[in-house]
Amino acid sequence: MPKADKETIRNKRAFRIRKKISGTAEKPRLSVYRSNTNILAQIIDDAAQKTLCAASSYEKGFVTEGKTKVDISKEVGKMLAEKAVACGIKTVVFDRNGYLYKGARIKCFADAARENGLEF
């Protein structure tokens, strides 16, 4: 039997998490995706199947040169929280998408979002 790779293990973890949580209009889901160099996040209303707002390190004008991945995660968390508050979203359900929370990038992203007005 072949050994499962990291991506397969993460996907299994993500499906286990997604079985338990979903976003509503009152409390949408905050989903995070991280790649090797970038991080993307969106706030989703699963009932209406709509993305309410999103932020990523791919956005125009976002400078990643000379910054660590943790710093980029903090800035994206701050940017998403500001957009969410502007859209009238205060509370969300956090979907870490199978990534371990104890890792620095996901934790720093979540902490920055909390500091800038989001509650989870």
Protein backbone atom coordinates (compact mmCIF):
# COMPACT_ATOMS: atom_id res chain seq x y z
CA MET A 1 0.00 0.00 0.00
CA PRO A 2 1.55 3.34 -1.04
CA LYS A 3 2.18 5.98 1.58
CA ALA A 4 -0.18 8.98 1.44
CA ASP A 5 1.43 12.27 0.49
CA LYS A 6 1.04 15.52 2.41
CA GLU A 7 -1.64 16.89 0.10
CA THR A 8 -3.84 13.81 0.48
CA ILE A 9 -3.55 13.93 4.25
CA ARG A 10 -4.42 17.65 4.27
CA ASN A 11 -7.44 17.05 2.02
CA LYS A 12 -8.76 14.35 4.36
CA ARG A 13 -8.35 16.72 7.30
CA ALA A 14 -10.12 19.50 5.34
CA PHE A 15 -13.11 17.26 4.53
CA ARG A 16 -13.42 16.25 8.20
CA ILE A 17 -13.50 19.92 9.19
CA ARG A 18 -15.95 20.92 6.45
CA LYS A 19 -18.45 18.23 7.52
CA LYS A 20 -18.86 20.08 10.83
CA ILE A 21 -18.90 23.76 9.81
CA SER A 22 -20.73 25.86 7.25
CA GLY A 23 -21.33 29.55 6.72
CA THR A 24 -24.67 31.32 6.93
CA ALA A 25 -25.71 34.87 6.17
CA GLU A 26 -25.45 35.79 9.87
CA LYS A 27 -22.16 33.96 10.45
CA PRO A 28 -20.26 33.29 7.20
CA ARG A 29 -17.28 30.96 6.83
CA LEU A 30 -13.72 32.34 6.61
CA SER A 31 -11.75 29.94 4.41
CA VAL A 32 -7.95 30.15 4.14
CA TYR A 33 -5.68 28.70 1.46
CA ARG A 34 -1.92 28.89 1.62
CA SER A 35 0.61 28.00 -1.02
CA ASN A 36 4.37 27.92 -0.64
CA THR A 37 4.72 31.67 -1.08
CA ASN A 38 1.23 33.20 -0.93
CA ILE A 39 -1.93 33.15 1.16
CA LEU A 40 -5.54 33.65 0.07
CA ALA A 41 -8.68 34.03 2.18
CA GLN A 42 -12.34 34.55 1.48
CA ILE A 43 -15.51 34.95 3.48
CA ILE A 44 -18.26 32.71 2.12
CA ASP A 45 -22.01 32.43 2.67
CA ASP A 46 -22.55 28.70 2.04
CA ALA A 47 -26.35 28.96 2.12
CA ALA A 48 -26.40 31.41 -0.81
CA GLN A 49 -23.16 30.03 -2.32
CA LYS A 50 -21.63 33.51 -2.55
CA THR A 51 -18.23 34.91 -1.74
CA LEU A 52 -18.86 38.04 0.33
CA CYS A 53 -15.30 39.38 0.33
CA ALA A 54 -11.78 38.13 -0.31
CA ALA A 55 -8.16 39.12 0.14
CA SER A 56 -4.90 37.63 -1.04
CA SER A 57 -1.24 38.36 -1.48
CA TYR A 58 -1.84 38.29 -5.25
CA GLU A 59 -3.79 41.56 -5.20
CA LYS A 60 -2.58 44.46 -7.26
CA GLY A 61 -0.41 46.80 -5.24
CA PHE A 62 0.47 44.19 -2.60
CA VAL A 63 4.25 44.14 -2.15
CA THR A 64 5.83 40.85 -1.07
CA GLU A 65 9.47 41.71 -1.75
CA GLY A 66 11.63 41.61 1.37
CA LYS A 67 8.88 40.23 3.60
CA THR A 68 8.67 36.88 5.30
CA LYS A 69 5.72 34.54 4.75
CA VAL A 70 4.51 35.26 8.29
CA ASP A 71 4.53 39.03 7.62
CA ILE A 72 2.58 38.48 4.40
CA SER A 73 0.02 36.38 6.31
CA LYS A 74 -0.42 39.11 8.92
CA GLU A 75 -1.00 41.77 6.26
CA VAL A 76 -3.54 39.65 4.37
CA GLY A 77 -5.39 38.95 7.65
CA LYS A 78 -5.51 42.66 8.40
CA MET A 79 -6.65 43.47 4.85
CA LEU A 80 -9.44 40.86 4.94
CA ALA A 81 -10.69 42.03 8.34
CA GLU A 82 -10.88 45.63 7.13
CA LYS A 83 -12.83 44.57 4.02
CA ALA A 84 -15.18 42.42 6.11
CA VAL A 85 -15.93 45.22 8.57
CA ALA A 86 -16.60 47.54 5.62
CA CYS A 87 -19.10 44.94 4.28
CA GLY A 88 -20.78 44.74 7.68
CA ILE A 89 -19.41 41.34 8.72
CA LYS A 90 -18.39 41.08 12.38
CA THR A 91 -18.43 37.36 13.24
CA VAL A 92 -17.26 34.40 11.14
CA VAL A 93 -16.63 30.67 11.43
CA PHE A 94 -12.93 29.93 10.86
CA ASP A 95 -12.17 27.20 8.31
CA ARG A 96 -8.45 26.50 8.36
CA ASN A 97 -8.92 24.23 5.33
CA GLY A 98 -6.92 21.33 6.74
CA TYR A 99 -3.82 23.35 7.57
CA LEU A 100 -2.46 22.96 11.08
CA TYR A 101 -3.25 25.96 13.26
CA LYS A 102 -0.05 25.65 15.28
CA GLY A 103 1.94 26.59 12.20
CA ALA A 104 3.00 30.22 12.26
CA ARG A 105 1.26 31.39 9.09
CA ILE A 106 -2.33 30.32 9.82
CA LYS A 107 -2.12 31.42 13.46
CA CYS A 108 -0.67 34.84 12.55
CA PHE A 109 -3.33 35.30 9.87
CA ALA A 110 -6.10 34.53 12.37
CA ASP A 111 -4.58 36.76 15.07
CA ALA A 112 -4.29 39.70 12.65
CA ALA A 113 -7.91 39.25 11.56
CA ARG A 114 -9.06 39.19 15.20
CA GLU A 115 -7.05 42.33 16.06
CA ASN A 116 -8.69 44.23 13.22
CA GLY A 117 -12.31 43.58 14.08
CA LEU A 118 -13.34 40.01 13.20
CA GLU A 119 -14.64 37.62 15.84
CA PHE A 120 -14.44 33.83 15.58
